[in-house]
Amino acid sequence: ANTMQVLLRRRQREVAVWKALGYQERQLQAMFALEAAVLGTLGSLAGAGAGVLVSTRLVELFRRTTNLLFSWAFAPEPVLAGVGAGILTTVVFALWAIVAASQAQPMALLRNEPVNVRRLPWLKAAGLALLLALPFTLITSLVMGSLGQGIGVLLFAVAGLAVLGGLFGGLLWAAARLVPLRRLPLVHLAQNSLRRRGLALVFAMIALFAGVVAMTLGVAFTQNAQREMDERTIEIEGYNVNVIARSRQEAAVRQAVDAEPVEKSAVGYAATVQEIRLTGSSEEIQVKPLLIGRSDPFDYLITGSPWGSRPEGAYVDQNAGIPAGSRLEVRRQDGLVRTLEVVGTYEINGSPGTFFPQAGVLVPAEGFSRIAAPDTVTVFVQAPKGEAANIAARLGAALPEATVIDLVAYATRYTQTYQNLFMLATAMAGLAFLAGVLLVANSVSLAMLDRRYELGILKAVGYSRLHLLATLAVEYSLMALLACATGLAAVRIFLWVLALANHLAGSLVLTPGAAGLIGLCGVGLTLITVLGVTWGPTRVSPMAVLNERI
């Protein structure tokens, strides 16, 4: 809406010419609405295309951070819905500026007077606001999936704008009237200019405030999460490389492992069976039909008979409720039945970030081959510290048909996932921050149109271009300082309240360095934007401006 206001303010004389030629307000409004729709279509198509391109990279990113297998596929429905929502949003937010610009009077053009737009009557303005609220509510309802929630979003947005508008209006009033800076002429001139700024500056402050809040929260959560992850770095103790292969490759795998400088190794087997049940009972038991063999049960906590003392003794999950001394009948895939005695129980001893061992019937490796033929063999390797990646690479090259897993690298996938999510949150917060800066640029552009005559007078009475740029820089730096400081204070209050409500959130801390850097970036980007926008308008000759009023 602010961008369309800037664009249409530049075309007030054009509107007056159209009206002098006989065009009515409704015709002009329809023409500019169609123009806004075209701009919205172009922007929405560009955004949809960029979104499709980014989605392909996101799929690649998520492929590396999950065990799920999925592929990218183009779906036209969300793309078309996004384009439609973009067009409708553009037209809705441009209508206010279109209706206001269509009020330009052709008589001012015929009299060679400045073309000014009349203020909308309050009744007409209220009716237009209500009319624009309807499609906005429709959009929010479609996004939220509920009419009630859509209306709630609208009411929340209106209430938020009212509260923040009052807050920043009061801050501007205090900064322009109560701060004693009369001894600094340029700063005092900037204060006087702030007194005359309208709602456009307040909306720019609200947008910058929202961007600062989003960016600060993103940085605070990211910093604290990174600290927590650094403190809880997963350390792989013991076996740190797994080699998984078919049973017929066991000899080749053992030979390749023996050729490496490993500290120790162990072997594991797995075989799927048809059925496991208690001897003499038809009652189903909660035991997975899987035989597991281990030479070293490092990933199981064993109770009962010491490991290896009963080579053909079986250990079952402690949650299965099968007492020691029970006998299990194991029906293999070939139909043969083997009977095993339960000599103990186990509890899975997995650690976060690594492969959790499977649940089934656990037996020592030396007795496994007498019970069933293994489907797969896994050799667990403990590589020297810092050598897991190199040994895994060499084993992978030597065993092309086997799966070699570096558990150190595998464990870091969780950290990478969270880091990617935190970076995504920070990037989205950065986009909100840049949106605030863009609205500041639009506000400055609109102010330059309104203050063209003022700038000409100041240059006519002796102010140089450098003086004007310095005054504008001070004026908008004060505005940015107020918005950024308010945003940082709001985040600090939010974190304090959150810590009172939840003691776990007490670890969330916004460091002074991060807060200062965000505030400096906010003021700095605003200053650069203001100088970039005002560089051209301040070059205008005072005679050219004064001649426009003659």
Protein backbone atom coordinates (compact mmCIF):
# COMPACT_ATOMS: atom_id res chain seq x y z
CA ALA A 1 0.00 0.00 0.00
CA ASN A 2 2.80 2.41 0.86
CA THR A 3 4.61 1.61 -2.39
CA MET A 4 1.46 2.31 -4.42
CA GLN A 5 1.00 5.53 -2.47
CA VAL A 6 4.49 6.64 -3.50
CA LEU A 7 3.93 5.64 -7.13
CA LEU A 8 0.55 7.34 -7.41
CA ARG A 9 1.69 10.47 -5.59
CA ARG A 10 4.21 10.92 -8.39
CA ARG A 11 1.33 10.73 -10.89
CA GLN A 12 -1.08 13.25 -9.39
CA ARG A 13 -0.72 15.61 -12.33
CA GLU A 14 -1.37 12.68 -14.65
CA VAL A 15 -4.57 11.92 -12.74
CA ALA A 16 -5.62 15.56 -13.03
CA VAL A 17 -4.98 15.46 -16.79
CA TRP A 18 -7.12 12.31 -17.15
CA LYS A 19 -9.94 13.94 -15.21
CA ALA A 20 -9.63 17.14 -17.29
CA LEU A 21 -10.08 14.98 -20.40
CA GLY A 22 -13.35 13.65 -19.05
CA TYR A 23 -12.45 10.46 -17.21
CA GLN A 24 -14.42 9.82 -14.02
CA GLU A 25 -13.03 8.69 -10.68
CA ARG A 26 -14.41 5.16 -11.07
CA GLN A 27 -12.75 4.79 -14.46
CA LEU A 28 -9.43 5.97 -13.05
CA GLN A 29 -9.77 3.69 -10.05
CA ALA A 30 -10.49 0.73 -12.31
CA MET A 31 -7.49 1.61 -14.50
CA PHE A 32 -5.08 1.87 -11.56
CA ALA A 33 -6.54 -1.26 -9.95
CA LEU A 34 -5.89 -3.14 -13.19
CA GLU A 35 -2.37 -1.74 -13.23
CA ALA A 36 -1.86 -2.91 -9.63
CA ALA A 37 -3.19 -6.34 -10.61
CA VAL A 38 -0.68 -6.52 -13.47
CA LEU A 39 2.14 -5.55 -11.10
CA GLY A 40 0.89 -8.09 -8.59
CA THR A 41 0.74 -10.76 -11.28
CA LEU A 42 4.31 -10.10 -12.38
CA GLY A 43 5.56 -10.05 -8.81
CA SER A 44 3.59 -13.16 -7.85
CA LEU A 45 4.82 -15.10 -10.88
CA ALA A 46 8.40 -14.09 -10.10
CA GLY A 47 7.91 -15.07 -6.46
CA ALA A 48 6.28 -18.38 -7.39
CA GLY A 49 9.12 -19.18 -9.78
CA ALA A 50 11.69 -18.35 -7.14
CA GLY A 51 9.76 -20.46 -4.64
CA VAL A 52 9.76 -23.46 -6.98
CA LEU A 53 13.51 -23.10 -7.53
CA VAL A 54 14.17 -22.77 -3.80
CA SER A 55 11.96 -25.79 -3.08
CA THR A 56 14.27 -28.01 -5.11
CA ARG A 57 17.19 -26.94 -2.95
CA LEU A 58 15.14 -27.43 0.21
CA VAL A 59 14.39 -30.99 -0.81
CA GLU A 60 18.10 -31.62 -1.25
CA LEU A 61 18.73 -30.06 2.16
CA PHE A 62 16.14 -32.20 3.93
CA ARG A 63 17.39 -35.34 2.20
CA ARG A 64 20.63 -34.92 4.14
CA THR A 65 18.89 -34.36 7.46
CA THR A 66 16.43 -37.25 7.64
CA ASN A 67 16.19 -40.99 7.12
CA LEU A 68 13.04 -40.61 5.03
CA LEU A 69 13.28 -41.16 1.30
CA PHE A 70 11.34 -38.66 -0.79
CA SER A 71 11.72 -36.82 -4.07
CA TRP A 72 10.76 -33.42 -5.42
CA ALA A 73 7.57 -33.23 -7.48
CA PHE A 74 5.91 -30.18 -8.98
CA ALA A 75 2.41 -29.47 -7.63
CA PRO A 76 0.56 -26.73 -9.54
CA GLU A 77 -2.18 -26.20 -6.93
CA PRO A 78 -0.09 -24.43 -4.24
CA VAL A 79 1.75 -22.42 -6.90
CA LEU A 80 -1.51 -21.16 -8.44
CA ALA A 81 -2.94 -20.49 -4.97
CA GLY A 82 0.14 -18.46 -4.08
CA VAL A 83 -0.08 -16.44 -7.29
CA GLY A 84 -3.78 -15.76 -6.72
CA ALA A 85 -3.19 -14.72 -3.11
CA GLY A 86 -0.37 -12.42 -4.23
CA ILE A 87 -2.54 -10.70 -6.85
CA LEU A 88 -5.47 -10.28 -4.46
CA THR A 89 -3.22 -8.97 -1.70
CA THR A 90 -1.62 -6.44 -4.06
CA VAL A 91 -4.97 -5.10 -5.25
CA VAL A 92 -6.45 -4.98 -1.74
CA PHE A 93 -3.56 -3.04 -0.23
CA ALA A 94 -3.30 -0.74 -3.26
CA LEU A 95 -6.96 0.29 -3.30
CA TRP A 96 -6.59 2.85 -0.51
CA ALA A 97 -3.81 4.65 -2.36
CA ILE A 98 -5.78 4.38 -5.62
CA VAL A 99 -8.92 5.91 -4.13
CA ALA A 100 -6.90 8.69 -2.48
CA ALA A 101 -4.99 9.51 -5.68
CA SER A 102 -8.18 9.65 -7.73
CA GLN A 103 -9.27 12.70 -5.67
CA ALA A 104 -6.85 14.99 -7.59
CA GLN A 105 -8.68 18.10 -8.88
CA PRO A 106 -8.29 19.08 -12.56
CA MET A 107 -8.96 22.76 -11.79
CA ALA A 108 -5.61 23.02 -10.02
CA LEU A 109 -3.93 21.86 -13.23
CA LEU A 110 -5.85 24.37 -15.35
CA ARG A 111 -4.93 27.19 -12.96
CA ASN A 112 -1.26 26.13 -13.01
CA GLU A 113 -1.41 25.40 -9.28
CA PRO A 114 0.19 22.51 -7.42
CA VAL A 115 -1.99 19.42 -7.71
CA ASN A 116 -2.92 18.25 -4.22
CA VAL A 117 -5.13 15.39 -3.18
CA ARG A 118 -8.08 16.10 -0.93
CA ARG A 119 -8.30 14.11 2.28
CA LEU A 120 -10.97 11.41 2.19
CA PRO A 121 -14.05 12.20 4.31
CA TRP A 122 -14.05 10.11 7.46
CA LEU A 123 -17.27 8.34 6.54
CA LYS A 124 -15.92 7.39 3.12
CA ALA A 125 -12.60 6.38 4.66
CA ALA A 126 -14.35 4.15 7.20
CA GLY A 127 -16.47 2.53 4.49
CA LEU A 128 -13.41 1.93 2.33
CA ALA A 129 -11.52 0.43 5.27
CA LEU A 130 -14.43 -1.92 5.96
CA LEU A 131 -14.62 -2.88 2.30
CA LEU A 132 -10.89 -3.63 2.19
CA ALA A 133 -11.17 -5.67 5.38
CA LEU A 134 -13.44 -8.19 3.66
CA PRO A 135 -10.93 -9.58 1.11
CA PHE A 136 -8.18 -9.39 3.74
CA THR A 137 -10.33 -11.51 6.05
CA LEU A 138 -10.96 -13.91 3.16
CA ILE A 139 -7.22 -14.32 2.57
CA THR A 140 -6.42 -14.87 6.25
CA SER A 141 -9.33 -17.32 6.59
CA LEU A 142 -8.08 -19.37 3.65
CA VAL A 143 -4.55 -19.39 5.07
CA MET A 144 -5.66 -20.23 8.63
CA GLY A 145 -8.35 -22.66 7.44
CA SER A 146 -11.09 -21.09 9.55
CA LEU A 147 -13.30 -18.01 9.24
CA GLY A 148 -13.15 -17.40 12.98
CA GLN A 149 -9.37 -17.55 13.01
CA GLY A 150 -9.23 -15.27 9.96
CA ILE A 151 -11.37 -12.67 11.72
CA GLY A 152 -9.22 -13.11 14.81
CA VAL A 153 -6.08 -12.38 12.80
CA LEU A 154 -7.70 -9.24 11.38
CA LEU A 155 -8.78 -8.00 14.82
CA PHE A 156 -5.37 -8.80 16.26
CA ALA A 157 -3.66 -6.91 13.42
CA VAL A 158 -5.92 -3.87 13.90
CA ALA A 159 -5.40 -3.91 17.67
CA GLY A 160 -1.66 -4.34 17.24
CA LEU A 161 -1.46 -1.45 14.79
CA ALA A 162 -3.49 0.73 17.13
CA VAL A 163 -1.34 -0.05 20.17
CA LEU A 164 1.98 0.22 18.34
CA GLY A 165 0.80 3.30 16.46
CA GLY A 166 -0.07 5.01 19.72
CA LEU A 167 3.23 3.93 21.28
CA PHE A 168 5.41 5.17 18.45
CA GLY A 169 3.32 8.30 18.00
CA GLY A 170 3.96 9.09 21.65
CA LEU A 171 7.67 8.34 21.32
CA LEU A 172 7.93 10.63 18.29
CA TRP A 173 6.10 13.37 20.17
CA ALA A 174 8.46 13.02 23.13
CA ALA A 175 11.58 12.90 20.95
CA ALA A 176 10.49 15.98 19.00
CA ARG A 177 9.43 18.11 21.97
CA LEU A 178 11.01 16.93 25.20
CA VAL A 179 14.59 16.04 24.23
CA PRO A 180 16.70 19.21 24.79
CA LEU A 181 18.77 19.48 21.60
CA ARG A 182 18.23 23.13 20.69
CA ARG A 183 21.96 23.85 20.79
CA LEU A 184 22.51 21.56 17.79
CA PRO A 185 20.88 23.32 14.82
CA LEU A 186 20.73 20.34 12.46
CA VAL A 187 19.37 18.06 15.17
CA HIS A 188 16.84 20.69 16.22
CA LEU A 189 15.76 21.05 12.59
CA ALA A 190 15.33 17.27 12.42
CA GLN A 191 13.20 17.41 15.57
CA ASN A 192 10.96 20.04 13.99
CA SER A 193 10.59 17.84 10.91
CA LEU A 194 9.55 14.87 13.04
CA ARG A 195 6.67 16.92 14.43
CA ARG A 196 5.14 17.21 10.97
CA ARG A 197 5.49 13.60 9.89
CA GLY A 198 2.26 11.66 9.56
CA LEU A 199 1.17 8.06 9.78
CA ALA A 200 3.57 6.95 7.05
CA LEU A 201 6.51 7.41 9.44
CA VAL A 202 4.64 5.62 12.24
CA PHE A 203 3.90 2.66 9.95
CA ALA A 204 7.57 2.57 8.94
CA MET A 205 8.54 2.46 12.62
CA ILE A 206 6.07 -0.38 13.22
CA ALA A 207 7.52 -2.37 10.32
CA LEU A 208 11.09 -1.76 11.51
CA PHE A 209 10.04 -2.68 15.06
CA ALA A 210 8.53 -5.97 13.82
CA GLY A 211 11.68 -6.74 11.85
CA VAL A 212 13.93 -6.03 14.83
CA VAL A 213 11.77 -8.19 17.13
CA ALA A 214 11.79 -11.09 14.66
CA MET A 215 15.52 -10.80 14.07
CA THR A 216 16.33 -10.50 17.78
CA LEU A 217 14.20 -13.49 18.73
CA GLY A 218 15.77 -15.52 15.93
CA VAL A 219 19.28 -14.60 17.05
CA ALA A 220 18.48 -15.22 20.73
CA PHE A 221 17.03 -18.68 20.12
CA THR A 222 19.78 -19.58 17.66
CA GLN A 223 22.60 -18.47 19.96
CA ASN A 224 21.21 -20.28 22.97
CA ALA A 225 20.40 -23.41 20.99
CA GLN A 226 23.89 -23.44 19.52
CA ARG A 227 25.35 -23.11 23.01
CA GLU A 228 23.22 -25.98 24.28
CA MET A 229 24.23 -28.17 21.33
CA ASP A 230 27.90 -27.36 21.88
CA GLU A 231 27.56 -28.37 25.53
CA ARG A 232 25.81 -31.59 24.55
CA THR A 233 28.03 -32.65 21.69
CA ILE A 234 27.51 -36.35 21.04
CA GLU A 235 30.66 -38.32 21.76
CA ILE A 236 30.89 -41.78 20.23
CA GLU A 237 32.67 -44.00 22.73
CA GLY A 238 33.57 -47.50 21.72
CA TYR A 239 32.60 -48.77 18.29
CA ASN A 240 32.39 -45.85 15.85
CA VAL A 241 32.21 -47.55 12.42
CA ASN A 242 29.64 -50.11 11.29
CA VAL A 243 30.07 -52.38 8.26
CA ILE A 244 26.78 -53.98 7.19
CA ALA A 245 26.77 -56.69 4.52
CA ARG A 246 25.05 -59.88 3.43
CA SER A 247 26.10 -63.01 5.27
CA ARG A 248 27.99 -64.38 2.27
CA GLN A 249 30.37 -61.40 2.46
CA GLU A 250 31.39 -62.03 6.06
CA ALA A 251 34.83 -63.36 5.19
CA ALA A 252 35.60 -60.40 2.91
CA VAL A 253 34.41 -57.94 5.53
CA ARG A 254 36.51 -59.53 8.27
CA GLN A 255 39.56 -59.53 6.00
CA ALA A 256 39.11 -55.84 5.14
CA VAL A 257 38.66 -54.90 8.79
CA ASP A 258 41.71 -56.92 9.86
CA ALA A 259 43.77 -54.94 7.34
CA GLU A 260 42.92 -51.65 9.07
CA PRO A 261 44.59 -50.25 12.22
CA VAL A 262 41.51 -50.67 14.42
CA GLU A 263 41.55 -50.88 18.19
CA LYS A 264 38.98 -53.68 18.38
CA SER A 265 36.05 -55.15 16.49
CA ALA A 266 32.96 -57.25 17.13
CA VAL A 267 30.48 -59.10 14.96
CA GLY A 268 26.71 -59.17 14.92
CA TYR A 269 24.18 -61.30 13.04
CA ALA A 270 20.49 -60.93 12.25
CA ALA A 271 18.00 -63.43 10.83
CA THR A 272 14.27 -63.04 10.30
CA VAL A 273 12.22 -66.09 11.32
CA GLN A 274 8.62 -67.10 10.76
CA GLU A 275 7.50 -67.30 14.36
CA ILE A 276 8.68 -67.26 17.96
CA ARG A 277 6.39 -68.66 20.68
CA LEU A 278 6.51 -70.29 24.08
CA THR A 279 6.79 -74.07 24.07
CA GLY A 280 3.50 -75.72 24.89
CA SER A 281 1.51 -72.49 24.78
CA SER A 282 -0.66 -70.97 22.07
CA GLU A 283 -0.60 -67.55 23.72
CA GLU A 284 1.03 -64.81 21.65
CA ILE A 285 4.11 -63.21 23.14
CA GLN A 286 5.43 -59.70 22.57
CA VAL A 287 8.64 -60.79 20.86
CA LYS A 288 9.62 -59.69 17.39
CA PRO A 289 10.32 -62.65 15.03
CA LEU A 290 14.01 -61.78 14.76
CA LEU A 291 17.13 -63.59 15.92
CA ILE A 292 20.04 -61.36 16.92
CA GLY A 293 23.58 -62.55 17.47
CA ARG A 294 26.37 -60.59 19.18
CA SER A 295 29.95 -61.38 20.03
CA ASP A 296 29.93 -58.28 22.26
CA PRO A 297 26.54 -57.15 23.59
CA PHE A 298 27.75 -53.57 24.04
CA ASP A 299 24.42 -52.12 22.92
CA TYR A 300 22.38 -54.29 25.33
CA LEU A 301 22.31 -54.34 29.12
CA ILE A 302 22.26 -58.03 30.09
CA THR A 303 20.76 -59.52 33.25
CA GLY A 304 20.65 -63.21 34.13
CA SER A 305 23.32 -65.70 33.07
CA PRO A 306 26.70 -64.11 32.29
CA TRP A 307 27.16 -63.41 28.60
CA GLY A 308 28.78 -66.32 26.77
CA SER A 309 28.25 -68.84 29.56
CA ARG A 310 25.32 -70.38 27.67
CA PRO A 311 26.18 -70.19 23.91
CA GLU A 312 22.70 -71.32 22.85
CA GLY A 313 20.85 -69.54 25.65
CA ALA A 314 18.44 -66.79 24.70
CA TYR A 315 17.92 -63.34 26.17
CA VAL A 316 14.59 -61.56 25.67
CA ASP A 317 13.44 -57.99 26.14
CA GLN A 318 12.71 -57.32 29.80
CA ASN A 319 9.37 -55.78 28.79
CA ALA A 320 8.21 -59.05 27.21
CA GLY A 321 7.49 -60.53 30.64
CA ILE A 322 9.06 -63.94 29.88
CA PRO A 323 10.79 -65.41 32.96
CA ALA A 324 14.14 -67.16 32.89
CA GLY A 325 13.86 -70.91 32.35
CA SER A 326 11.09 -70.56 29.77
CA ARG A 327 11.59 -72.34 26.49
CA LEU A 328 11.03 -70.70 23.10
CA GLU A 329 10.26 -72.43 19.82
CA VAL A 330 11.81 -70.60 16.87
CA ARG A 331 10.42 -71.51 13.45
CA ARG A 332 12.98 -70.62 10.80
CA GLN A 333 12.19 -69.53 7.25
CA ASP A 334 12.83 -73.07 6.00
CA GLY A 335 10.22 -74.44 8.43
CA LEU A 336 12.63 -76.08 10.86
CA VAL A 337 12.01 -75.44 14.56
CA ARG A 338 14.75 -74.78 17.10
CA THR A 339 14.12 -74.71 20.84
CA LEU A 340 15.94 -72.15 23.00
CA GLU A 341 16.00 -71.70 26.74
CA VAL A 342 15.57 -68.19 28.14
CA VAL A 343 18.58 -67.54 30.36
CA GLY A 344 18.19 -63.78 30.91
CA THR A 345 16.76 -60.50 29.76
CA TYR A 346 18.16 -57.39 28.16
CA GLU A 347 17.51 -53.68 27.96
CA ILE A 348 18.43 -51.71 24.86
CA ASN A 349 21.43 -49.49 25.52
CA GLY A 350 21.18 -47.11 22.56
CA SER A 351 22.41 -43.54 22.60
CA PRO A 352 20.94 -40.48 20.84
CA GLY A 353 22.25 -39.84 17.37
CA THR A 354 23.33 -43.44 16.72
CA PHE A 355 21.67 -46.57 15.40
CA PHE A 356 19.37 -48.07 18.01
CA PRO A 357 19.81 -51.85 18.21
CA GLN A 358 16.90 -54.03 17.18
CA ALA A 359 14.66 -55.89 19.57
CA GLY A 360 14.15 -59.64 19.21
CA VAL A 361 15.70 -62.77 20.69
CA LEU A 362 19.36 -62.18 21.52
CA VAL A 363 21.89 -65.03 21.53
CA PRO A 364 25.71 -65.15 21.63
CA ALA A 365 27.36 -65.08 18.21
CA GLU A 366 29.13 -68.42 18.70
CA GLY A 367 25.81 -70.24 19.08
CA PHE A 368 23.91 -68.26 16.45
CA SER A 369 25.07 -70.33 13.46
CA ARG A 370 23.79 -73.54 15.11
CA ILE A 371 20.34 -72.00 15.42
CA ALA A 372 19.82 -70.24 12.06
CA ALA A 373 21.68 -68.96 9.03
CA PRO A 374 22.16 -65.17 9.27
CA ASP A 375 20.62 -62.84 6.71
CA THR A 376 23.03 -60.00 7.40
CA VAL A 377 26.30 -59.57 9.19
CA THR A 378 27.46 -56.40 10.90
CA VAL A 379 31.04 -55.83 11.95
CA PHE A 380 31.43 -53.16 14.64
CA VAL A 381 34.77 -51.38 14.46
CA GLN A 382 36.40 -49.12 17.02
CA ALA A 383 38.72 -46.83 15.09
CA PRO A 384 41.34 -44.68 16.82
CA LYS A 385 40.20 -41.19 17.73
CA GLY A 386 40.08 -38.97 14.66
CA GLU A 387 40.50 -41.90 12.25
CA ALA A 388 36.89 -43.04 11.91
CA ALA A 389 36.29 -41.07 8.70
CA ASN A 390 39.48 -42.32 7.03
CA ILE A 391 38.92 -45.95 7.99
CA ALA A 392 35.29 -45.77 6.88
CA ALA A 393 36.35 -44.36 3.53
CA ARG A 394 38.91 -47.12 2.95
CA LEU A 395 36.47 -49.84 4.00
CA GLY A 396 33.85 -48.39 1.67
CA ALA A 397 36.30 -48.51 -1.23
CA ALA A 398 37.36 -52.07 -0.41
CA LEU A 399 33.79 -53.33 0.09
CA PRO A 400 31.63 -51.78 -2.65
CA GLU A 401 28.69 -54.11 -1.93
CA ALA A 402 28.67 -53.39 1.80
CA THR A 403 27.27 -50.41 3.68
CA VAL A 404 29.90 -48.61 5.73
CA ILE A 405 28.65 -46.06 8.26
CA ASP A 406 30.80 -43.56 10.11
CA LEU A 407 28.81 -43.21 13.34
CA VAL A 408 30.54 -39.94 14.22
CA ALA A 409 29.29 -38.35 11.01
CA TYR A 410 25.93 -40.07 11.40
CA ALA A 411 25.46 -38.63 14.88
CA THR A 412 26.10 -35.08 13.69
CA ARG A 413 23.08 -35.21 11.40
CA TYR A 414 20.89 -34.11 14.32
CA THR A 415 23.09 -31.12 14.94
CA GLN A 416 23.05 -30.28 11.24
CA THR A 417 19.25 -30.57 11.19
CA TYR A 418 18.81 -28.15 14.07
CA GLN A 419 21.42 -25.79 12.69
CA ASN A 420 19.60 -25.72 9.35
CA LEU A 421 16.31 -25.02 11.12
CA PHE A 422 17.87 -22.24 13.18
CA MET A 423 19.45 -20.72 10.10
CA LEU A 424 16.08 -20.89 8.33
CA ALA A 425 14.42 -19.09 11.25
CA THR A 426 17.13 -16.44 11.27
CA ALA A 427 16.87 -16.00 7.50
CA MET A 428 13.10 -15.53 7.70
CA ALA A 429 13.61 -13.02 10.51
CA GLY A 430 16.12 -11.24 8.29
CA LEU A 431 13.51 -11.02 5.54
CA ALA A 432 11.10 -9.40 8.01
CA PHE A 433 13.86 -7.00 9.00
CA LEU A 434 14.53 -6.09 5.35
CA ALA A 435 10.79 -5.62 4.81
CA GLY A 436 10.86 -3.02 7.57
CA VAL A 437 13.79 -1.26 5.92
CA LEU A 438 11.93 -1.32 2.59
CA LEU A 439 8.92 0.33 4.19
CA VAL A 440 11.25 2.98 5.59
CA ALA A 441 12.50 3.59 2.04
CA ASN A 442 8.92 3.96 0.80
CA SER A 443 8.12 6.34 3.66
CA VAL A 444 11.17 8.47 2.84
CA SER A 445 10.26 8.51 -0.86
CA LEU A 446 6.75 9.68 -0.01
CA ALA A 447 8.14 12.33 2.34
CA MET A 448 10.47 13.62 -0.36
CA LEU A 449 7.46 14.27 -2.59
CA ASP A 450 5.65 16.09 0.20
CA ARG A 451 8.75 18.06 1.23
CA ARG A 452 9.99 19.05 -2.19
CA TYR A 453 8.96 22.67 -1.65
CA GLU A 454 10.44 22.65 1.87
CA LEU A 455 13.80 21.42 0.56
CA GLY A 456 13.77 24.12 -2.12
CA ILE A 457 13.15 26.84 0.48
CA LEU A 458 15.93 25.54 2.73
CA LYS A 459 18.39 25.55 -0.16
CA ALA A 460 17.21 29.04 -1.16
CA VAL A 461 17.97 30.45 2.31
CA GLY A 462 21.49 29.03 2.36
CA TYR A 463 21.39 25.37 3.38
CA SER A 464 23.68 23.24 1.27
CA ARG A 465 22.90 19.79 -0.04
CA LEU A 466 25.20 18.33 2.61
CA HIS A 467 23.22 20.13 5.33
CA LEU A 468 19.96 18.70 3.99
CA LEU A 469 21.35 15.17 3.79
CA ALA A 470 22.71 15.46 7.33
CA THR A 471 19.36 16.74 8.61
CA LEU A 472 17.44 13.93 6.94
CA ALA A 473 19.96 11.39 8.20
CA VAL A 474 19.60 12.63 11.78
CA GLU A 475 15.81 12.73 11.50
CA TYR A 476 15.43 9.15 10.32
CA SER A 477 18.25 7.89 12.52
CA LEU A 478 16.26 9.13 15.52
CA MET A 479 13.24 7.29 14.15
CA ALA A 480 15.23 4.09 13.62
CA LEU A 481 16.84 4.38 17.05
CA LEU A 482 13.43 4.62 18.70
CA ALA A 483 12.07 1.63 16.73
CA CYS A 484 15.14 -0.56 17.31
CA ALA A 485 15.43 0.30 21.00
CA THR A 486 11.74 -0.43 21.51
CA GLY A 487 12.08 -3.75 19.68
CA LEU A 488 15.10 -4.82 21.74
CA ALA A 489 13.34 -3.80 24.96
CA ALA A 490 10.24 -5.77 23.93
CA VAL A 491 12.33 -8.90 23.35
CA ARG A 492 14.07 -8.54 26.70
CA ILE A 493 10.70 -8.18 28.46
CA PHE A 494 9.36 -11.20 26.55
CA LEU A 495 12.34 -13.37 27.56
CA TRP A 496 11.98 -12.23 31.17
CA VAL A 497 8.27 -13.11 31.25
CA LEU A 498 8.98 -16.42 29.50
CA ALA A 499 11.60 -17.29 32.12
CA LEU A 500 9.08 -16.59 34.91
CA ALA A 501 6.48 -18.80 33.24
CA ASN A 502 8.86 -21.66 32.40
CA HIS A 503 12.11 -22.22 34.27
CA LEU A 504 13.53 -24.14 31.31
CA ALA A 505 13.29 -20.95 29.24
CA GLY A 506 15.46 -19.15 31.79
CA SER A 507 18.51 -20.18 29.78
CA LEU A 508 17.39 -17.95 26.90
CA VAL A 509 19.61 -14.89 27.10
CA LEU A 510 20.09 -12.01 24.69
CA THR A 511 23.73 -11.01 24.98
CA PRO A 512 24.56 -7.29 25.00
CA GLY A 513 26.84 -7.79 22.01
CA ALA A 514 24.10 -9.35 19.90
CA ALA A 515 21.59 -6.69 20.96
CA GLY A 516 24.03 -3.90 20.14
CA LEU A 517 24.86 -5.43 16.77
CA ILE A 518 21.18 -5.75 15.82
CA GLY A 519 20.49 -2.17 16.89
CA LEU A 520 23.51 -0.94 14.97
CA CYS A 521 22.41 -2.85 11.87
CA GLY A 522 18.90 -1.44 12.15
CA VAL A 523 20.06 2.16 12.43
CA GLY A 524 22.84 1.65 9.88
CA LEU A 525 20.61 0.08 7.23
CA THR A 526 18.02 2.79 7.78
CA LEU A 527 20.69 5.47 7.40
CA ILE A 528 22.03 3.91 4.19
CA THR A 529 18.49 3.59 2.83
CA VAL A 530 17.66 7.20 3.65
CA LEU A 531 20.83 8.52 2.04
CA GLY A 532 20.19 6.40 -1.05
CA VAL A 533 16.59 7.59 -1.39
CA THR A 534 17.28 11.28 -0.64
CA TRP A 535 20.43 11.58 -2.75
CA GLY A 536 18.50 12.48 -5.89
CA PRO A 537 15.73 14.71 -4.45
CA THR A 538 18.23 16.89 -2.57
CA ARG A 539 19.94 17.77 -5.85
CA VAL A 540 16.93 19.74 -7.04
CA SER A 541 17.55 23.40 -7.82
CA PRO A 542 15.67 25.83 -5.53
CA MET A 543 14.66 27.92 -8.55
CA ALA A 544 12.98 24.91 -10.16
CA VAL A 545 10.99 24.22 -7.00
CA LEU A 546 10.00 27.86 -6.49
CA ASN A 547 8.93 28.18 -10.13
CA GLU A 548 6.47 25.32 -9.57
CA ARG A 549 4.62 27.47 -7.02
CA ILE A 550 4.51 30.64 -9.16
